């Protein structure tokens, strides 16, 4: 893995969710280099892997990725120096095999692009009954 020059930061819209409530995450990808970078549009389950883990141990099972259409191609994006791509992902719980039980969880993404892999920061949330 080589140095990418990208910084990935995620935030949740809140710290505590009631069981069954949609979990929403914002993703900020920033180009920290002095040159333009070509990156791929971040798409969950294709080049943006969701990690949703119980703080006490154990990863939550994710739904398997869908099969993309035959002519599916991830869009490339030119990211200028010190510019950002900001995306909001509503209902990330959709990607889990079942809604998590009550407890504390940490969430992060691993983004794969043009021969690089980079992890985001980790956010903690709590799910209550």
N, C-alpha and C. Protein backbone atom coordinates (compact mmCIF):
# COMPACT_ATOMS: atom_id res chain seq x y z
N UNK A 1 0.84 -1.18 0.00
CA UNK A 1 0.00 0.00 0.00
C UNK A 1 0.89 1.24 0.00
N UNK A 2 0.65 2.13 -0.93
CA UNK A 2 1.44 3.36 -0.98
C UNK A 2 0.66 4.53 -0.42
N UNK A 3 1.35 5.59 -0.12
CA UNK A 3 0.71 6.79 0.44
C UNK A 3 -0.21 7.39 -0.62
N UNK A 4 -1.45 7.63 -0.26
CA UNK A 4 -2.43 8.09 -1.24
C UNK A 4 -2.60 9.61 -1.26
N UNK A 5 -2.36 10.27 -0.14
CA UNK A 5 -2.60 11.70 -0.08
C UNK A 5 -4.05 12.04 0.22
N UNK A 6 -4.89 11.02 0.43
CA UNK A 6 -6.28 11.26 0.76
C UNK A 6 -6.51 11.10 2.25
N UNK A 7 -7.45 11.87 2.76
CA UNK A 7 -7.89 11.71 4.14
C UNK A 7 -9.39 11.46 4.11
N UNK A 8 -9.82 10.42 4.81
CA UNK A 8 -11.23 10.08 4.84
C UNK A 8 -11.76 10.24 6.25
N UNK A 9 -12.80 11.03 6.38
CA UNK A 9 -13.42 11.29 7.67
C UNK A 9 -14.90 10.97 7.56
N UNK A 10 -15.41 10.24 8.56
CA UNK A 10 -16.84 9.99 8.59
C UNK A 10 -17.43 10.56 9.87
N UNK A 11 -18.72 10.90 9.80
CA UNK A 11 -19.47 11.36 10.96
C UNK A 11 -20.85 10.73 10.89
N UNK A 12 -21.43 10.48 12.05
CA UNK A 12 -22.82 10.00 12.10
C UNK A 12 -23.71 11.20 12.40
N UNK A 13 -24.96 11.12 11.99
CA UNK A 13 -25.85 12.26 12.24
C UNK A 13 -26.23 12.38 13.71
N UNK A 14 -26.02 11.32 14.49
CA UNK A 14 -26.24 11.38 15.92
C UNK A 14 -25.44 10.28 16.60
N UNK A 15 -25.35 10.32 17.90
CA UNK A 15 -24.55 9.35 18.65
C UNK A 15 -25.38 8.21 19.20
N UNK A 16 -26.70 8.42 19.32
CA UNK A 16 -27.56 7.38 19.89
C UNK A 16 -28.77 7.18 18.99
N UNK A 17 -29.07 5.91 18.71
CA UNK A 17 -30.20 5.54 17.87
C UNK A 17 -31.10 4.57 18.63
N UNK A 18 -32.41 4.72 18.43
CA UNK A 18 -33.33 3.73 18.97
C UNK A 18 -33.34 2.56 17.99
N UNK A 19 -33.50 1.35 18.53
CA UNK A 19 -33.49 0.15 17.69
C UNK A 19 -34.48 0.31 16.54
N UNK A 20 -34.01 0.07 15.32
CA UNK A 20 -34.82 0.18 14.12
C UNK A 20 -34.73 1.53 13.43
N UNK A 21 -34.17 2.53 14.10
CA UNK A 21 -34.05 3.86 13.52
C UNK A 21 -32.95 3.87 12.44
N UNK A 22 -33.16 4.57 11.32
CA UNK A 22 -32.14 4.63 10.28
C UNK A 22 -30.82 5.22 10.78
N UNK A 23 -29.72 4.59 10.42
CA UNK A 23 -28.38 5.06 10.79
C UNK A 23 -27.79 5.75 9.56
N UNK A 24 -27.44 7.03 9.71
CA UNK A 24 -26.95 7.84 8.59
C UNK A 24 -25.51 8.27 8.83
N UNK A 25 -24.70 8.16 7.80
CA UNK A 25 -23.28 8.48 7.89
C UNK A 25 -22.91 9.45 6.76
N UNK A 26 -22.10 10.45 7.10
CA UNK A 26 -21.53 11.35 6.08
C UNK A 26 -20.06 10.99 5.88
N UNK A 27 -19.63 11.00 4.65
CA UNK A 27 -18.26 10.64 4.26
C UNK A 27 -17.61 11.85 3.62
N UNK A 28 -16.41 12.19 4.05
CA UNK A 28 -15.66 13.32 3.51
C UNK A 28 -14.30 12.80 3.06
N UNK A 29 -14.04 12.84 1.75
CA UNK A 29 -12.75 12.43 1.20
C UNK A 29 -12.03 13.69 0.75
N UNK A 30 -10.86 13.97 1.34
CA UNK A 30 -10.13 15.20 1.01
C UNK A 30 -8.79 14.85 0.37
N UNK A 31 -8.46 15.58 -0.69
CA UNK A 31 -7.16 15.46 -1.36
C UNK A 31 -6.17 16.38 -0.64
N UNK A 32 -5.24 15.80 0.09
CA UNK A 32 -4.24 16.58 0.83
C UNK A 32 -2.95 16.79 0.06
N UNK A 33 -2.94 16.47 -1.22
CA UNK A 33 -1.73 16.64 -2.02
C UNK A 33 -1.77 17.99 -2.75
N UNK A 34 -0.69 18.30 -3.43
CA UNK A 34 -0.62 19.54 -4.20
C UNK A 34 -0.99 19.32 -5.67
N UNK A 35 -1.47 18.11 -5.99
CA UNK A 35 -1.83 17.81 -7.39
C UNK A 35 -3.23 17.19 -7.46
N UNK A 36 -3.78 17.20 -8.66
CA UNK A 36 -5.08 16.60 -8.90
C UNK A 36 -4.94 15.08 -8.83
N UNK A 37 -5.90 14.41 -8.16
CA UNK A 37 -5.92 12.95 -8.09
C UNK A 37 -7.18 12.43 -8.79
N UNK A 38 -7.04 11.32 -9.46
CA UNK A 38 -8.19 10.65 -10.05
C UNK A 38 -8.60 9.56 -9.08
N UNK A 39 -9.83 9.64 -8.60
CA UNK A 39 -10.34 8.65 -7.65
C UNK A 39 -11.64 8.08 -8.21
N UNK A 40 -12.11 7.02 -7.62
CA UNK A 40 -13.38 6.42 -8.02
C UNK A 40 -14.48 6.90 -7.11
N UNK A 41 -15.66 7.09 -7.70
CA UNK A 41 -16.83 7.43 -6.90
C UNK A 41 -17.01 6.37 -5.82
N UNK A 42 -17.11 6.76 -4.54
CA UNK A 42 -17.25 5.77 -3.47
C UNK A 42 -18.64 5.14 -3.45
N UNK A 43 -18.70 3.81 -3.63
CA UNK A 43 -19.96 3.07 -3.65
C UNK A 43 -19.87 1.94 -2.64
N UNK A 44 -20.78 1.97 -1.66
CA UNK A 44 -20.78 0.93 -0.62
C UNK A 44 -20.93 -0.44 -1.26
N UNK A 45 -20.14 -1.38 -0.78
CA UNK A 45 -20.10 -2.78 -1.20
C UNK A 45 -19.39 -3.01 -2.53
N UNK A 46 -18.87 -1.99 -3.15
CA UNK A 46 -18.08 -2.19 -4.36
C UNK A 46 -16.64 -1.75 -4.10
N UNK A 47 -16.43 -0.47 -3.83
CA UNK A 47 -15.08 0.00 -3.52
C UNK A 47 -15.03 0.72 -2.18
N UNK A 48 -16.12 0.67 -1.45
CA UNK A 48 -16.21 1.29 -0.13
C UNK A 48 -16.79 0.25 0.83
N UNK A 49 -15.91 -0.39 1.57
CA UNK A 49 -16.33 -1.47 2.47
C UNK A 49 -16.74 -0.92 3.82
N UNK A 50 -17.95 -1.27 4.23
CA UNK A 50 -18.50 -0.86 5.50
C UNK A 50 -18.05 -1.84 6.59
N UNK A 51 -17.57 -1.31 7.71
CA UNK A 51 -17.23 -2.12 8.88
C UNK A 51 -18.10 -1.62 10.03
N UNK A 52 -18.87 -2.51 10.61
CA UNK A 52 -19.82 -2.19 11.67
C UNK A 52 -19.59 -3.21 12.77
N UNK A 53 -18.91 -2.80 13.83
CA UNK A 53 -18.43 -3.76 14.82
C UNK A 53 -18.95 -3.43 16.21
N UNK A 54 -19.30 -4.47 16.95
CA UNK A 54 -19.70 -4.31 18.34
C UNK A 54 -18.45 -3.96 19.14
N UNK A 55 -18.53 -2.95 19.98
CA UNK A 55 -17.37 -2.51 20.77
C UNK A 55 -16.87 -3.64 21.67
N UNK A 56 -17.78 -4.50 22.13
CA UNK A 56 -17.40 -5.61 23.00
C UNK A 56 -16.83 -6.79 22.23
N UNK A 57 -16.77 -6.68 20.92
CA UNK A 57 -16.18 -7.73 20.09
C UNK A 57 -17.18 -8.29 19.10
N UNK A 58 -16.68 -8.57 17.91
CA UNK A 58 -17.49 -9.20 16.88
C UNK A 58 -18.02 -8.23 15.86
N UNK A 59 -17.81 -8.58 14.62
CA UNK A 59 -18.29 -7.76 13.51
C UNK A 59 -19.71 -8.18 13.15
N UNK A 60 -20.54 -7.23 12.84
CA UNK A 60 -21.90 -7.50 12.40
C UNK A 60 -21.84 -8.05 10.98
N UNK A 61 -22.67 -9.03 10.70
CA UNK A 61 -22.69 -9.63 9.37
C UNK A 61 -23.31 -8.67 8.37
N UNK A 62 -22.63 -8.50 7.25
CA UNK A 62 -23.13 -7.63 6.19
C UNK A 62 -23.83 -8.46 5.13
N UNK A 63 -24.78 -7.83 4.43
CA UNK A 63 -25.40 -8.48 3.29
C UNK A 63 -24.33 -8.63 2.21
N UNK A 64 -24.37 -9.72 1.45
CA UNK A 64 -23.40 -9.82 0.35
C UNK A 64 -23.68 -8.74 -0.69
N UNK A 65 -22.62 -8.26 -1.36
CA UNK A 65 -22.85 -7.23 -2.38
C UNK A 65 -23.70 -7.78 -3.52
N UNK A 66 -24.48 -6.90 -4.10
CA UNK A 66 -25.26 -7.30 -5.26
C UNK A 66 -24.35 -7.54 -6.46
N UNK A 67 -24.89 -8.18 -7.45
CA UNK A 67 -24.12 -8.41 -8.68
C UNK A 67 -24.38 -7.23 -9.60
N UNK A 68 -23.30 -6.49 -9.95
CA UNK A 68 -23.52 -5.33 -10.81
C UNK A 68 -23.89 -5.75 -12.23
N UNK A 69 -24.58 -4.87 -12.95
CA UNK A 69 -24.89 -5.17 -14.35
C UNK A 69 -23.60 -5.42 -15.14
N UNK A 70 -23.70 -6.13 -16.24
CA UNK A 70 -22.54 -6.50 -17.05
C UNK A 70 -21.72 -5.27 -17.44
N UNK A 71 -22.37 -4.18 -17.79
CA UNK A 71 -21.65 -2.99 -18.25
C UNK A 71 -21.40 -1.98 -17.11
N UNK A 72 -21.50 -2.44 -15.85
CA UNK A 72 -21.29 -1.56 -14.69
C UNK A 72 -19.85 -1.07 -14.64
N UNK A 73 -19.67 0.23 -14.49
CA UNK A 73 -18.34 0.82 -14.35
C UNK A 73 -18.43 1.92 -13.31
N UNK A 74 -17.51 1.87 -12.36
CA UNK A 74 -17.51 2.91 -11.33
C UNK A 74 -16.98 4.20 -11.94
N UNK A 75 -17.70 5.27 -11.72
CA UNK A 75 -17.34 6.59 -12.25
C UNK A 75 -16.03 7.10 -11.64
N UNK A 76 -15.15 7.61 -12.47
CA UNK A 76 -13.93 8.25 -11.97
C UNK A 76 -14.21 9.74 -11.73
N UNK A 77 -13.56 10.27 -10.69
CA UNK A 77 -13.75 11.67 -10.31
C UNK A 77 -12.38 12.32 -10.21
N UNK A 78 -12.21 13.50 -10.82
CA UNK A 78 -10.98 14.27 -10.68
C UNK A 78 -11.12 15.12 -9.43
N UNK A 79 -10.23 14.87 -8.47
CA UNK A 79 -10.28 15.59 -7.20
C UNK A 79 -9.09 16.53 -7.14
N UNK A 80 -9.36 17.82 -7.28
CA UNK A 80 -8.31 18.84 -7.28
C UNK A 80 -7.64 18.93 -5.91
N UNK A 81 -6.45 19.52 -5.88
CA UNK A 81 -5.70 19.70 -4.63
C UNK A 81 -6.55 20.42 -3.59
N UNK A 82 -6.53 19.91 -2.36
CA UNK A 82 -7.26 20.47 -1.23
C UNK A 82 -8.77 20.54 -1.42
N UNK A 83 -9.31 19.77 -2.34
CA UNK A 83 -10.77 19.71 -2.54
C UNK A 83 -11.31 18.43 -1.92
N UNK A 84 -12.63 18.35 -1.84
CA UNK A 84 -13.30 17.25 -1.16
C UNK A 84 -14.40 16.63 -2.01
N UNK A 85 -14.67 15.36 -1.69
CA UNK A 85 -15.90 14.70 -2.13
C UNK A 85 -16.66 14.45 -0.83
N UNK A 86 -17.89 14.92 -0.77
CA UNK A 86 -18.70 14.69 0.42
C UNK A 86 -19.95 13.92 -0.02
N UNK A 87 -20.19 12.81 0.66
CA UNK A 87 -21.35 11.99 0.35
C UNK A 87 -22.08 11.65 1.65
N UNK A 88 -23.38 11.57 1.57
CA UNK A 88 -24.19 11.15 2.71
C UNK A 88 -24.81 9.81 2.37
N UNK A 89 -24.68 8.87 3.27
CA UNK A 89 -25.25 7.54 3.10
C UNK A 89 -26.33 7.36 4.16
N UNK A 90 -27.58 7.41 3.71
CA UNK A 90 -28.70 7.21 4.62
C UNK A 90 -28.99 5.72 4.76
N UNK A 91 -29.44 5.34 5.92
CA UNK A 91 -29.84 3.95 6.19
C UNK A 91 -28.72 2.95 5.92
N UNK A 92 -27.53 3.20 6.46
CA UNK A 92 -26.47 2.21 6.24
C UNK A 92 -26.82 0.87 6.88
N UNK A 93 -27.80 0.88 7.79
CA UNK A 93 -28.26 -0.38 8.37
C UNK A 93 -28.85 -1.30 7.30
N UNK A 94 -29.22 -0.75 6.14
CA UNK A 94 -29.70 -1.55 5.01
C UNK A 94 -28.66 -2.60 4.60
N UNK A 95 -27.37 -2.27 4.77
CA UNK A 95 -26.30 -3.16 4.34
C UNK A 95 -25.99 -4.27 5.35
N UNK A 96 -26.64 -4.23 6.51
CA UNK A 96 -26.43 -5.24 7.54
C UNK A 96 -27.44 -6.36 7.33
N UNK A 97 -27.05 -7.59 7.69
CA UNK A 97 -27.96 -8.71 7.50
C UNK A 97 -29.18 -8.60 8.41
N UNK A 98 -29.03 -7.95 9.56
CA UNK A 98 -30.15 -7.64 10.43
C UNK A 98 -29.80 -6.41 11.26
N UNK A 99 -30.82 -5.73 11.75
CA UNK A 99 -30.56 -4.54 12.55
C UNK A 99 -29.86 -4.95 13.84
N UNK A 100 -28.81 -4.25 14.24
CA UNK A 100 -28.04 -4.64 15.43
C UNK A 100 -28.87 -4.55 16.71
N UNK A 101 -28.53 -5.40 17.66
CA UNK A 101 -29.19 -5.35 18.97
C UNK A 101 -28.65 -4.16 19.75
N UNK A 102 -29.26 -3.89 20.89
CA UNK A 102 -28.83 -2.77 21.73
C UNK A 102 -27.37 -2.96 22.12
N UNK A 103 -26.62 -1.86 22.14
CA UNK A 103 -25.21 -1.89 22.52
C UNK A 103 -24.44 -0.77 21.86
N UNK A 104 -23.12 -0.76 22.08
CA UNK A 104 -22.23 0.23 21.47
C UNK A 104 -21.54 -0.39 20.26
N UNK A 105 -21.41 0.42 19.21
CA UNK A 105 -20.82 -0.05 17.97
C UNK A 105 -19.82 0.98 17.45
N UNK A 106 -18.84 0.48 16.71
CA UNK A 106 -17.94 1.39 15.99
C UNK A 106 -18.12 1.13 14.51
N UNK A 107 -18.07 2.22 13.76
CA UNK A 107 -18.30 2.18 12.32
C UNK A 107 -17.11 2.84 11.63
N UNK A 108 -16.62 2.20 10.58
CA UNK A 108 -15.62 2.84 9.72
C UNK A 108 -15.73 2.26 8.33
N UNK A 109 -15.13 2.95 7.38
CA UNK A 109 -15.11 2.50 5.99
C UNK A 109 -13.67 2.25 5.55
N UNK A 110 -13.49 1.32 4.65
CA UNK A 110 -12.22 1.12 3.95
C UNK A 110 -12.50 1.36 2.48
N UNK A 111 -11.79 2.33 1.91
CA UNK A 111 -12.01 2.78 0.53
C UNK A 111 -10.87 2.26 -0.34
N UNK A 112 -11.23 1.63 -1.45
CA UNK A 112 -10.23 1.09 -2.38
C UNK A 112 -10.32 1.86 -3.70
N UNK A 113 -9.18 2.37 -4.15
CA UNK A 113 -9.15 3.14 -5.39
C UNK A 113 -7.76 3.08 -6.01
N UNK A 114 -7.69 2.91 -7.29
CA UNK A 114 -6.47 3.01 -8.09
C UNK A 114 -5.24 2.43 -7.35
N UNK A 115 -5.33 1.18 -6.93
CA UNK A 115 -4.19 0.53 -6.31
C UNK A 115 -3.93 0.92 -4.86
N UNK A 116 -4.82 1.66 -4.24
CA UNK A 116 -4.66 2.09 -2.85
C UNK A 116 -5.82 1.59 -2.01
N UNK A 117 -5.56 1.46 -0.73
CA UNK A 117 -6.60 1.16 0.25
C UNK A 117 -6.38 2.10 1.42
N UNK A 118 -7.45 2.77 1.85
CA UNK A 118 -7.31 3.71 2.97
C UNK A 118 -8.54 3.57 3.88
N UNK A 119 -8.30 3.59 5.18
CA UNK A 119 -9.38 3.48 6.16
C UNK A 119 -9.77 4.86 6.67
N UNK A 120 -11.04 5.00 6.97
CA UNK A 120 -11.53 6.24 7.57
C UNK A 120 -11.27 6.21 9.07
N UNK A 121 -11.60 7.30 9.70
CA UNK A 121 -11.65 7.32 11.16
C UNK A 121 -12.77 6.39 11.62
N UNK A 122 -12.90 6.21 12.89
CA UNK A 122 -13.90 5.34 13.48
C UNK A 122 -14.87 6.19 14.29
N UNK A 123 -16.18 6.00 14.09
CA UNK A 123 -17.16 6.68 14.92
C UNK A 123 -17.87 5.64 15.79
N UNK A 124 -18.22 6.06 16.99
CA UNK A 124 -18.95 5.17 17.90
C UNK A 124 -20.38 5.65 18.02
N UNK A 125 -21.29 4.68 17.99
CA UNK A 125 -22.70 4.98 18.20
C UNK A 125 -23.24 4.01 19.24
N UNK A 126 -24.39 4.37 19.79
CA UNK A 126 -25.07 3.47 20.73
C UNK A 126 -26.47 3.22 20.19
N UNK A 127 -26.89 1.96 20.29
CA UNK A 127 -28.24 1.57 19.91
C UNK A 127 -28.98 1.17 21.19
N UNK A 128 -30.16 1.76 21.38
CA UNK A 128 -30.93 1.48 22.59
C UNK A 128 -32.23 0.77 22.20
N UNK A 129 -32.78 0.03 23.16
CA UNK A 129 -34.07 -0.65 22.92
C UNK A 129 -35.22 0.33 22.97
